[in-house]
Amino acid sequence: MSRLILFNKPYGTLCQFTDERTGPPRPTLADFIAVPRVYPAGRLDTDSEGLLLLTDDGRLQARIADPRFKTPKTYLVQVEGDPQETDLDPLRRGLRLKDGMTLPAEVKRIAAPDLWPRDPPVRFRQSVPDCWLRITIREGRNRQVRRMTAAAGFPTLRLVRWRIGDWTIDDIAPGHWLDATID
């Protein structure tokens, strides 16, 4: 039996159990999850929120995190600007980033989702519009969604990973987790 934990990682939390940096302590997974011998299957940047999977099964961890398996990851992304459908086409075709071409992403403009408040709140500028996108990618490069939206001319303001494969953070509050152990 493989242990699988679905964790809704709050903004500002490190995706590891310890903080090696000197200075003021930062929140880590250990502040939320007191389960021995589970490890993150992939990463989520400190300034990103949402679904992080943890498991005690190395093969499951590799299947979730390894780009060869092309596990879909869906993000709710607040971007600066007001992109029209044609502005989103480069994301759908794949973009050239410094580390090469991305695979095509599924991108849809959506209404602002009913999310929890972020602490600190996203900066608001009255003179600059923003909108929300649902973006699904099948790779996992470092800060990929942020780099893709910036390359398309619409910098990311808030990024929430909502789904990985069939797993989602539906009904899991920030800082909470659900045991989804697999037989």
N, C-alpha and C. Protein backbone atom coordinates (compact mmCIF):
# COMPACT_ATOMS: atom_id res chain seq x y z
N MET A 1 0.84 -1.17 0.00
CA MET A 1 0.00 0.00 0.00
C MET A 1 0.90 1.25 0.00
N SER A 2 0.60 2.21 -0.88
CA SER A 2 1.37 3.45 -0.98
C SER A 2 0.64 4.56 -0.26
N ARG A 3 1.38 5.26 0.56
CA ARG A 3 0.81 6.43 1.24
C ARG A 3 0.87 7.61 0.29
N LEU A 4 -0.24 8.32 0.14
CA LEU A 4 -0.29 9.51 -0.70
C LEU A 4 -1.03 10.59 0.06
N ILE A 5 -0.40 11.74 0.16
CA ILE A 5 -0.99 12.88 0.87
C ILE A 5 -1.19 14.00 -0.13
N LEU A 6 -2.39 14.57 -0.12
CA LEU A 6 -2.73 15.74 -0.93
C LEU A 6 -2.69 16.94 0.01
N PHE A 7 -1.77 17.85 -0.22
CA PHE A 7 -1.55 19.00 0.66
C PHE A 7 -1.82 20.28 -0.11
N ASN A 8 -2.59 21.19 0.49
CA ASN A 8 -2.82 22.50 -0.09
C ASN A 8 -1.77 23.44 0.51
N LYS A 9 -0.67 23.61 -0.21
CA LYS A 9 0.47 24.39 0.27
C LYS A 9 0.14 25.88 0.28
N PRO A 10 0.27 26.51 1.44
CA PRO A 10 0.04 27.96 1.49
C PRO A 10 1.18 28.74 0.84
N TYR A 11 0.86 29.94 0.41
CA TYR A 11 1.85 30.88 -0.12
C TYR A 11 2.96 31.05 0.92
N GLY A 12 4.21 31.08 0.48
CA GLY A 12 5.34 31.34 1.36
C GLY A 12 5.91 30.11 2.06
N THR A 13 5.32 28.95 1.84
CA THR A 13 5.81 27.72 2.48
C THR A 13 6.81 27.04 1.57
N LEU A 14 7.94 26.61 2.16
CA LEU A 14 8.94 25.87 1.39
C LEU A 14 8.44 24.46 1.11
N CYS A 15 8.85 23.92 -0.01
CA CYS A 15 8.44 22.57 -0.43
C CYS A 15 9.43 21.52 0.09
N GLN A 16 9.83 21.67 1.32
CA GLN A 16 10.74 20.73 1.96
C GLN A 16 10.47 20.77 3.46
N PHE A 17 11.03 19.79 4.16
CA PHE A 17 10.74 19.67 5.59
C PHE A 17 11.68 20.49 6.47
N THR A 18 12.79 20.99 5.91
CA THR A 18 13.72 21.81 6.69
C THR A 18 14.09 23.04 5.87
N ASP A 19 14.55 24.08 6.58
CA ASP A 19 15.00 25.30 5.93
C ASP A 19 16.48 25.45 6.24
N GLU A 20 17.32 25.25 5.22
CA GLU A 20 18.77 25.34 5.43
C GLU A 20 19.29 26.76 5.47
N ARG A 21 18.47 27.72 5.09
CA ARG A 21 18.92 29.11 5.03
C ARG A 21 19.02 29.69 6.44
N THR A 22 20.03 30.49 6.65
CA THR A 22 20.11 31.20 7.92
C THR A 22 19.25 32.44 7.83
N GLY A 23 18.86 32.94 8.95
CA GLY A 23 17.99 34.10 8.97
C GLY A 23 16.66 33.73 9.60
N PRO A 24 15.68 34.60 9.42
CA PRO A 24 14.37 34.32 10.01
C PRO A 24 13.82 32.99 9.49
N PRO A 25 13.23 32.19 10.34
CA PRO A 25 12.69 30.91 9.86
C PRO A 25 11.52 31.11 8.91
N ARG A 26 11.47 30.23 7.91
CA ARG A 26 10.37 30.25 6.95
C ARG A 26 9.54 28.99 7.17
N PRO A 27 8.23 29.05 6.89
CA PRO A 27 7.41 27.85 7.07
C PRO A 27 7.86 26.74 6.11
N THR A 28 7.85 25.51 6.61
CA THR A 28 8.21 24.34 5.82
C THR A 28 7.08 23.32 5.90
N LEU A 29 7.22 22.23 5.19
CA LEU A 29 6.22 21.16 5.24
C LEU A 29 6.07 20.60 6.65
N ALA A 30 7.16 20.62 7.42
CA ALA A 30 7.12 20.10 8.79
C ALA A 30 6.16 20.89 9.68
N ASP A 31 5.87 22.12 9.33
CA ASP A 31 4.92 22.92 10.11
C ASP A 31 3.48 22.48 9.91
N PHE A 32 3.24 21.65 8.88
CA PHE A 32 1.87 21.25 8.55
C PHE A 32 1.65 19.74 8.54
N ILE A 33 2.70 18.98 8.23
CA ILE A 33 2.55 17.55 8.01
C ILE A 33 3.49 16.79 8.93
N ALA A 34 2.92 16.11 9.92
CA ALA A 34 3.72 15.32 10.87
C ALA A 34 3.57 13.83 10.54
N VAL A 35 3.90 13.48 9.31
CA VAL A 35 3.82 12.10 8.86
C VAL A 35 5.23 11.67 8.49
N PRO A 36 5.75 10.61 9.11
CA PRO A 36 7.12 10.20 8.80
C PRO A 36 7.26 9.55 7.43
N ARG A 37 8.43 9.71 6.84
CA ARG A 37 8.85 9.02 5.62
C ARG A 37 7.98 9.30 4.39
N VAL A 38 7.43 10.49 4.28
CA VAL A 38 6.78 10.90 3.03
C VAL A 38 7.60 12.05 2.44
N TYR A 39 7.63 12.09 1.12
CA TYR A 39 8.45 13.08 0.43
C TYR A 39 7.65 13.68 -0.72
N PRO A 40 7.91 14.95 -1.04
CA PRO A 40 7.16 15.60 -2.13
C PRO A 40 7.42 14.91 -3.47
N ALA A 41 6.38 14.75 -4.24
CA ALA A 41 6.48 14.26 -5.62
C ALA A 41 6.43 15.48 -6.52
N GLY A 42 7.56 16.11 -6.71
CA GLY A 42 7.64 17.35 -7.46
C GLY A 42 7.79 18.53 -6.50
N ARG A 43 7.80 19.71 -7.08
CA ARG A 43 8.02 20.92 -6.30
C ARG A 43 6.92 21.93 -6.62
N LEU A 44 6.82 22.90 -5.75
CA LEU A 44 5.94 24.05 -5.97
C LEU A 44 6.66 25.23 -5.36
N ASP A 45 6.90 26.26 -6.14
CA ASP A 45 7.68 27.41 -5.67
C ASP A 45 7.11 27.99 -4.39
N THR A 46 7.97 28.62 -3.61
CA THR A 46 7.57 29.24 -2.36
C THR A 46 6.46 30.26 -2.59
N ASP A 47 6.53 31.00 -3.71
CA ASP A 47 5.52 32.04 -3.97
C ASP A 47 4.33 31.52 -4.76
N SER A 48 4.20 30.20 -4.85
CA SER A 48 3.03 29.57 -5.46
C SER A 48 2.24 28.83 -4.39
N GLU A 49 0.98 28.57 -4.67
CA GLU A 49 0.09 27.92 -3.71
C GLU A 49 -0.51 26.69 -4.35
N GLY A 50 -1.13 25.86 -3.51
CA GLY A 50 -1.95 24.80 -4.05
C GLY A 50 -1.42 23.41 -3.86
N LEU A 51 -1.85 22.52 -4.74
CA LEU A 51 -1.66 21.08 -4.57
C LEU A 51 -0.20 20.66 -4.64
N LEU A 52 0.20 19.97 -3.59
CA LEU A 52 1.49 19.30 -3.53
C LEU A 52 1.20 17.88 -3.09
N LEU A 53 1.72 16.91 -3.83
CA LEU A 53 1.54 15.50 -3.47
C LEU A 53 2.78 15.02 -2.74
N LEU A 54 2.57 14.26 -1.67
CA LEU A 54 3.66 13.64 -0.93
C LEU A 54 3.38 12.15 -0.85
N THR A 55 4.43 11.34 -0.95
CA THR A 55 4.25 9.90 -0.92
C THR A 55 5.45 9.22 -0.26
N ASP A 56 5.24 7.97 0.16
CA ASP A 56 6.32 7.15 0.69
C ASP A 56 6.78 6.12 -0.35
N ASP A 57 6.25 6.19 -1.56
CA ASP A 57 6.52 5.23 -2.62
C ASP A 57 7.38 5.89 -3.70
N GLY A 58 8.64 5.46 -3.81
CA GLY A 58 9.56 6.05 -4.76
C GLY A 58 9.12 5.93 -6.21
N ARG A 59 8.51 4.80 -6.57
CA ARG A 59 8.04 4.63 -7.95
C ARG A 59 6.87 5.57 -8.25
N LEU A 60 5.96 5.69 -7.30
CA LEU A 60 4.84 6.61 -7.48
C LEU A 60 5.35 8.05 -7.56
N GLN A 61 6.31 8.38 -6.72
CA GLN A 61 6.90 9.72 -6.73
C GLN A 61 7.49 10.03 -8.11
N ALA A 62 8.22 9.08 -8.68
CA ALA A 62 8.83 9.28 -10.01
C ALA A 62 7.75 9.39 -11.09
N ARG A 63 6.71 8.57 -11.01
CA ARG A 63 5.66 8.60 -12.02
C ARG A 63 4.94 9.95 -12.01
N ILE A 64 4.77 10.54 -10.83
CA ILE A 64 4.09 11.84 -10.72
C ILE A 64 5.00 12.97 -11.19
N ALA A 65 6.26 12.93 -10.77
CA ALA A 65 7.15 14.07 -10.97
C ALA A 65 7.96 14.03 -12.27
N ASP A 66 8.29 12.86 -12.77
CA ASP A 66 9.17 12.75 -13.93
C ASP A 66 8.47 13.24 -15.20
N PRO A 67 9.08 14.21 -15.90
CA PRO A 67 8.46 14.77 -17.11
C PRO A 67 8.20 13.73 -18.20
N ARG A 68 8.93 12.60 -18.18
CA ARG A 68 8.71 11.58 -19.20
C ARG A 68 7.28 11.04 -19.19
N PHE A 69 6.63 11.08 -18.03
CA PHE A 69 5.28 10.54 -17.90
C PHE A 69 4.20 11.56 -18.29
N LYS A 70 4.60 12.81 -18.47
CA LYS A 70 3.70 13.88 -18.93
C LYS A 70 2.39 13.96 -18.14
N THR A 71 2.50 13.84 -16.82
CA THR A 71 1.33 13.97 -15.95
C THR A 71 0.79 15.39 -16.06
N PRO A 72 -0.49 15.56 -16.41
CA PRO A 72 -1.02 16.92 -16.53
C PRO A 72 -1.13 17.61 -15.17
N LYS A 73 -0.74 18.88 -15.16
CA LYS A 73 -0.82 19.72 -13.97
C LYS A 73 -1.61 20.97 -14.36
N THR A 74 -2.68 21.24 -13.60
CA THR A 74 -3.55 22.37 -13.93
C THR A 74 -3.40 23.46 -12.88
N TYR A 75 -3.25 24.68 -13.37
CA TYR A 75 -3.03 25.85 -12.53
C TYR A 75 -4.12 26.88 -12.78
N LEU A 76 -4.51 27.58 -11.73
CA LEU A 76 -5.34 28.77 -11.84
C LEU A 76 -4.37 29.93 -11.71
N VAL A 77 -4.33 30.77 -12.72
CA VAL A 77 -3.27 31.78 -12.82
C VAL A 77 -3.88 33.16 -13.02
N GLN A 78 -3.60 34.06 -12.10
CA GLN A 78 -3.99 35.46 -12.26
C GLN A 78 -2.83 36.16 -12.95
N VAL A 79 -3.12 36.77 -14.10
CA VAL A 79 -2.07 37.45 -14.85
C VAL A 79 -2.36 38.93 -14.95
N GLU A 80 -1.31 39.68 -15.13
CA GLU A 80 -1.43 41.12 -15.35
C GLU A 80 -1.76 41.34 -16.81
N GLY A 81 -2.76 42.17 -17.07
CA GLY A 81 -3.14 42.46 -18.44
C GLY A 81 -4.49 41.85 -18.76
N ASP A 82 -4.87 42.03 -20.01
CA ASP A 82 -6.18 41.58 -20.48
C ASP A 82 -6.00 40.79 -21.78
N PRO A 83 -5.41 39.58 -21.70
CA PRO A 83 -5.13 38.84 -22.93
C PRO A 83 -6.41 38.41 -23.65
N GLN A 84 -6.39 38.57 -24.97
CA GLN A 84 -7.47 38.08 -25.81
C GLN A 84 -7.10 36.67 -26.28
N GLU A 85 -8.03 36.00 -26.94
CA GLU A 85 -7.78 34.62 -27.37
C GLU A 85 -6.51 34.50 -28.21
N THR A 86 -6.31 35.43 -29.14
CA THR A 86 -5.12 35.35 -30.00
C THR A 86 -3.84 35.55 -29.19
N ASP A 87 -3.92 36.31 -28.09
CA ASP A 87 -2.74 36.51 -27.23
C ASP A 87 -2.34 35.21 -26.53
N LEU A 88 -3.28 34.28 -26.38
CA LEU A 88 -3.02 33.03 -25.67
C LEU A 88 -2.51 31.93 -26.61
N ASP A 89 -2.61 32.16 -27.92
CA ASP A 89 -2.19 31.15 -28.89
C ASP A 89 -0.73 30.72 -28.73
N PRO A 90 0.22 31.62 -28.45
CA PRO A 90 1.60 31.15 -28.26
C PRO A 90 1.73 30.12 -27.12
N LEU A 91 0.94 30.29 -26.07
CA LEU A 91 0.97 29.31 -24.98
C LEU A 91 0.44 27.96 -25.46
N ARG A 92 -0.58 28.02 -26.30
CA ARG A 92 -1.20 26.80 -26.81
C ARG A 92 -0.31 26.07 -27.83
N ARG A 93 0.55 26.82 -28.51
CA ARG A 93 1.45 26.21 -29.50
C ARG A 93 2.75 25.74 -28.86
N GLY A 94 3.12 26.35 -27.74
CA GLY A 94 4.44 26.12 -27.15
C GLY A 94 5.29 27.36 -27.39
N LEU A 95 6.05 27.72 -26.38
CA LEU A 95 6.89 28.92 -26.44
C LEU A 95 8.36 28.55 -26.32
N ARG A 96 9.21 29.37 -26.91
CA ARG A 96 10.64 29.19 -26.71
C ARG A 96 11.04 29.96 -25.46
N LEU A 97 11.53 29.21 -24.46
CA LEU A 97 12.09 29.81 -23.25
C LEU A 97 13.61 29.63 -23.31
N LYS A 98 14.33 30.16 -22.33
CA LYS A 98 15.79 30.03 -22.33
C LYS A 98 16.25 28.59 -22.35
N ASP A 99 15.44 27.69 -21.77
CA ASP A 99 15.82 26.27 -21.73
C ASP A 99 15.13 25.45 -22.83
N GLY A 100 14.64 26.12 -23.88
CA GLY A 100 14.08 25.41 -25.02
C GLY A 100 12.58 25.60 -25.16
N MET A 101 12.02 24.91 -26.15
CA MET A 101 10.58 24.99 -26.43
C MET A 101 9.79 24.25 -25.36
N THR A 102 8.66 24.84 -25.01
CA THR A 102 7.73 24.15 -24.11
C THR A 102 6.77 23.32 -24.96
N LEU A 103 6.19 22.32 -24.34
CA LEU A 103 5.11 21.60 -25.00
C LEU A 103 3.90 22.52 -25.04
N PRO A 104 2.98 22.29 -25.97
CA PRO A 104 1.76 23.09 -25.99
C PRO A 104 0.99 22.95 -24.68
N ALA A 105 0.41 24.04 -24.23
CA ALA A 105 -0.39 24.05 -23.00
C ALA A 105 -1.86 24.20 -23.37
N GLU A 106 -2.72 23.68 -22.50
CA GLU A 106 -4.15 23.96 -22.63
C GLU A 106 -4.40 25.24 -21.84
N VAL A 107 -5.00 26.23 -22.48
CA VAL A 107 -5.19 27.53 -21.84
C VAL A 107 -6.61 28.00 -22.08
N LYS A 108 -7.25 28.44 -21.02
CA LYS A 108 -8.61 28.98 -21.14
C LYS A 108 -8.74 30.16 -20.19
N ARG A 109 -9.31 31.21 -20.69
CA ARG A 109 -9.62 32.36 -19.84
C ARG A 109 -10.84 31.99 -18.99
N ILE A 110 -10.80 32.29 -17.68
CA ILE A 110 -11.88 31.92 -16.78
C ILE A 110 -12.29 33.11 -15.92
N ALA A 111 -13.46 33.01 -15.32
CA ALA A 111 -13.89 34.01 -14.34
C ALA A 111 -13.02 33.87 -13.11
N ALA A 112 -12.89 34.93 -12.35
CA ALA A 112 -12.10 34.88 -11.12
C ALA A 112 -12.62 33.76 -10.23
N PRO A 113 -11.77 32.80 -9.86
CA PRO A 113 -12.23 31.69 -9.03
C PRO A 113 -12.48 32.13 -7.59
N ASP A 114 -13.31 31.37 -6.90
CA ASP A 114 -13.61 31.64 -5.49
C ASP A 114 -12.54 30.99 -4.64
N LEU A 115 -11.44 31.71 -4.44
CA LEU A 115 -10.30 31.20 -3.68
C LEU A 115 -10.22 31.87 -2.32
N TRP A 116 -9.45 31.29 -1.45
CA TRP A 116 -9.13 31.86 -0.16
C TRP A 116 -8.29 33.13 -0.37
N PRO A 117 -8.32 34.05 0.59
CA PRO A 117 -7.46 35.24 0.47
C PRO A 117 -6.00 34.85 0.60
N ARG A 118 -5.15 35.52 -0.13
CA ARG A 118 -3.72 35.24 -0.03
C ARG A 118 -3.10 36.22 0.95
N ASP A 119 -2.13 35.73 1.72
CA ASP A 119 -1.40 36.56 2.67
C ASP A 119 0.08 36.48 2.34
N PRO A 120 0.69 37.55 1.84
CA PRO A 120 0.14 38.88 1.61
C PRO A 120 -0.73 38.90 0.35
N PRO A 121 -1.64 39.87 0.28
CA PRO A 121 -2.50 39.94 -0.90
C PRO A 121 -1.71 40.28 -2.15
N VAL A 122 -2.26 39.90 -3.29
CA VAL A 122 -1.67 40.26 -4.58
C VAL A 122 -1.77 41.76 -4.74
N ARG A 123 -0.69 42.37 -5.25
CA ARG A 123 -0.72 43.82 -5.45
C ARG A 123 -1.81 44.20 -6.43
N PHE A 124 -2.46 45.27 -6.15
CA PHE A 124 -3.54 45.75 -7.01
C PHE A 124 -3.15 47.10 -7.56
N ARG A 125 -3.27 47.26 -8.89
CA ARG A 125 -3.01 48.55 -9.52
C ARG A 125 -4.24 48.91 -10.33
N GLN A 126 -4.86 50.00 -9.96
CA GLN A 126 -6.11 50.42 -10.59
C GLN A 126 -5.94 50.64 -12.09
N SER A 127 -4.76 51.07 -12.50
CA SER A 127 -4.54 51.40 -13.91
C SER A 127 -4.16 50.18 -14.76
N VAL A 128 -3.93 49.02 -14.14
CA VAL A 128 -3.51 47.84 -14.89
C VAL A 128 -4.54 46.72 -14.67
N PRO A 129 -5.20 46.27 -15.73
CA PRO A 129 -6.19 45.19 -15.56
C PRO A 129 -5.50 43.86 -15.29
N ASP A 130 -6.27 42.92 -14.80
CA ASP A 130 -5.77 41.56 -14.64
C ASP A 130 -6.90 40.59 -15.00
N CYS A 131 -6.55 39.35 -15.21
CA CYS A 131 -7.55 38.33 -15.49
C CYS A 131 -7.02 36.98 -15.04
N TRP A 132 -7.90 35.98 -15.07
CA TRP A 132 -7.56 34.63 -14.64
C TRP A 132 -7.55 33.68 -15.83
N LEU A 133 -6.58 32.76 -15.80
CA LEU A 133 -6.46 31.72 -16.81
C LEU A 133 -6.41 30.36 -16.11
N ARG A 134 -6.90 29.35 -16.80
CA ARG A 134 -6.67 27.97 -16.36
C ARG A 134 -5.67 27.39 -17.37
N ILE A 135 -4.51 26.99 -16.86
CA ILE A 135 -3.43 26.50 -17.71
C ILE A 135 -3.07 25.08 -17.28
N THR A 136 -3.04 24.17 -18.26
CA THR A 136 -2.61 22.80 -18.00
C THR A 136 -1.36 22.53 -18.81
N ILE A 137 -0.31 22.08 -18.12
CA ILE A 137 0.95 21.72 -18.77
C ILE A 137 1.24 20.25 -18.49
N ARG A 138 2.16 19.68 -19.28
CA ARG A 138 2.52 18.28 -19.13
C ARG A 138 4.02 18.10 -18.96
N GLU A 139 4.66 19.13 -18.48
CA GLU A 139 6.07 19.05 -18.12
C GLU A 139 6.20 19.79 -16.81
N GLY A 140 7.36 19.93 -16.29
CA GLY A 140 7.49 20.58 -14.99
C GLY A 140 8.81 21.30 -14.84
N ARG A 141 9.09 22.19 -15.74
CA ARG A 141 10.33 22.96 -15.65
C ARG A 141 10.24 23.97 -14.51
N ASN A 142 11.38 24.42 -14.07
CA ASN A 142 11.45 25.39 -12.99
C ASN A 142 10.68 26.66 -13.36
N ARG A 143 9.70 27.01 -12.54
CA ARG A 143 8.89 28.22 -12.70
C ARG A 143 8.30 28.33 -14.10
N GLN A 144 7.93 27.22 -14.69
CA GLN A 144 7.52 27.17 -16.08
C GLN A 144 6.30 28.03 -16.39
N VAL A 145 5.24 27.91 -15.63
CA VAL A 145 4.02 28.68 -15.93
C VAL A 145 4.31 30.17 -15.84
N ARG A 146 5.03 30.58 -14.82
CA ARG A 146 5.38 32.00 -14.68
C ARG A 146 6.21 32.49 -15.87
N ARG A 147 7.16 31.68 -16.29
CA ARG A 147 8.01 32.08 -17.42
C ARG A 147 7.21 32.11 -18.73
N MET A 148 6.27 31.18 -18.87
CA MET A 148 5.45 31.15 -20.09
C MET A 148 4.54 32.37 -20.18
N THR A 149 3.86 32.70 -19.08
CA THR A 149 2.96 33.86 -19.14
C THR A 149 3.75 35.15 -19.35
N ALA A 150 4.93 35.25 -18.73
CA ALA A 150 5.76 36.44 -18.93
C ALA A 150 6.22 36.54 -20.38
N ALA A 151 6.62 35.40 -20.97
CA ALA A 151 7.06 35.41 -22.37
C ALA A 151 5.93 35.81 -23.31
N ALA A 152 4.70 35.51 -22.93
CA ALA A 152 3.53 35.89 -23.74
C ALA A 152 3.11 37.34 -23.48
N GLY A 153 3.78 38.02 -22.52
CA GLY A 153 3.48 39.42 -22.24
C GLY A 153 2.49 39.65 -21.11
N PHE A 154 2.21 38.60 -20.32
CA PHE A 154 1.22 38.71 -19.24
C PHE A 154 1.79 38.09 -17.96
N PRO A 155 2.58 38.87 -17.19
CA PRO A 155 3.23 38.32 -16.00
C PRO A 155 2.22 37.76 -14.99
N THR A 156 2.63 36.69 -14.33
CA THR A 156 1.80 36.05 -13.32
C THR A 156 1.79 36.86 -12.04
N LEU A 157 0.60 37.08 -11.49
CA LEU A 157 0.45 37.75 -10.20
C LEU A 157 0.19 36.73 -9.09
N ARG A 158 -0.59 35.70 -9.40
CA ARG A 158 -0.91 34.66 -8.41
C ARG A 158 -1.01 33.33 -9.16
N LEU A 159 -0.45 32.29 -8.56
CA LEU A 159 -0.46 30.98 -9.19
C LEU A 159 -0.88 29.93 -8.17
N VAL A 160 -1.94 29.20 -8.49
CA VAL A 160 -2.47 28.16 -7.62
C VAL A 160 -2.55 26.87 -8.42
N ARG A 161 -1.77 25.85 -8.00
CA ARG A 161 -1.89 24.56 -8.67
C ARG A 161 -3.13 23.86 -8.11
N TRP A 162 -4.07 23.54 -8.99
CA TRP A 162 -5.34 22.98 -8.57
C TRP A 162 -5.39 21.47 -8.74
N ARG A 163 -4.70 20.95 -9.74
CA ARG A 163 -4.83 19.53 -10.06
C ARG A 163 -3.50 18.97 -10.55
N ILE A 164 -3.23 17.72 -10.18
CA ILE A 164 -2.13 16.93 -10.74
C ILE A 164 -2.76 15.59 -11.12
N GLY A 165 -2.78 15.28 -12.42
CA GLY A 165 -3.43 14.05 -12.86
C GLY A 165 -4.89 14.06 -12.41
N ASP A 166 -5.28 13.02 -11.67
CA ASP A 166 -6.66 12.92 -11.17
C ASP A 166 -6.83 13.52 -9.77
N TRP A 167 -5.76 13.96 -9.16
CA TRP A 167 -5.82 14.48 -7.78
C TRP A 167 -6.03 15.99 -7.80
N THR A 168 -6.84 16.49 -6.87
CA THR A 168 -7.18 17.91 -6.83
C THR A 168 -7.29 18.38 -5.38
N ILE A 169 -7.22 19.70 -5.19
CA ILE A 169 -7.37 20.26 -3.84
C ILE A 169 -8.79 20.70 -3.55
N ASP A 170 -9.76 20.21 -4.33
CA ASP A 170 -11.16 20.51 -4.02
C ASP A 170 -11.40 20.24 -2.54
N ASP A 171 -11.97 21.22 -1.86
CA ASP A 171 -12.38 21.08 -0.45
C ASP A 171 -11.23 20.87 0.54
N ILE A 172 -9.98 21.17 0.14
CA ILE A 172 -8.85 21.11 1.08
C ILE A 172 -8.40 22.55 1.32
N ALA A 173 -8.54 23.03 2.53
CA ALA A 173 -8.18 24.40 2.87
C ALA A 173 -6.66 24.57 2.86
N PRO A 174 -6.15 25.78 2.62
CA PRO A 174 -4.71 26.01 2.68
C PRO A 174 -4.15 25.58 4.03
N GLY A 175 -3.01 24.89 3.98
CA GLY A 175 -2.36 24.41 5.20
C GLY A 175 -2.91 23.09 5.70
N HIS A 176 -3.89 22.53 5.01
CA HIS A 176 -4.48 21.25 5.41
C HIS A 176 -4.15 20.18 4.38
N TRP A 177 -4.31 18.93 4.77
CA TRP A 177 -4.00 17.82 3.86
C TRP A 177 -5.01 16.71 4.02
N LEU A 178 -5.03 15.84 3.02
CA LEU A 178 -5.95 14.72 2.96
C LEU A 178 -5.13 13.48 2.65
N ASP A 179 -5.40 12.39 3.36
CA ASP A 179 -4.74 11.13 3.10
C ASP A 179 -5.50 10.41 2.00
N ALA A 180 -4.82 10.14 0.89
CA ALA A 180 -5.44 9.47 -0.25
C ALA A 180 -4.68 8.18 -0.55
N THR A 181 -4.38 7.42 0.50
CA THR A 181 -3.59 6.20 0.38
C THR A 181 -4.14 5.29 -0.70
N ILE A 182 -3.21 4.71 -1.49
CA ILE A 182 -3.56 3.89 -2.64
C ILE A 182 -3.25 2.43 -2.32
N ASP A 183 -4.20 1.54 -2.65
CA ASP A 183 -3.95 0.09 -2.46
C ASP A 183 -3.02 -0.45 -3.50
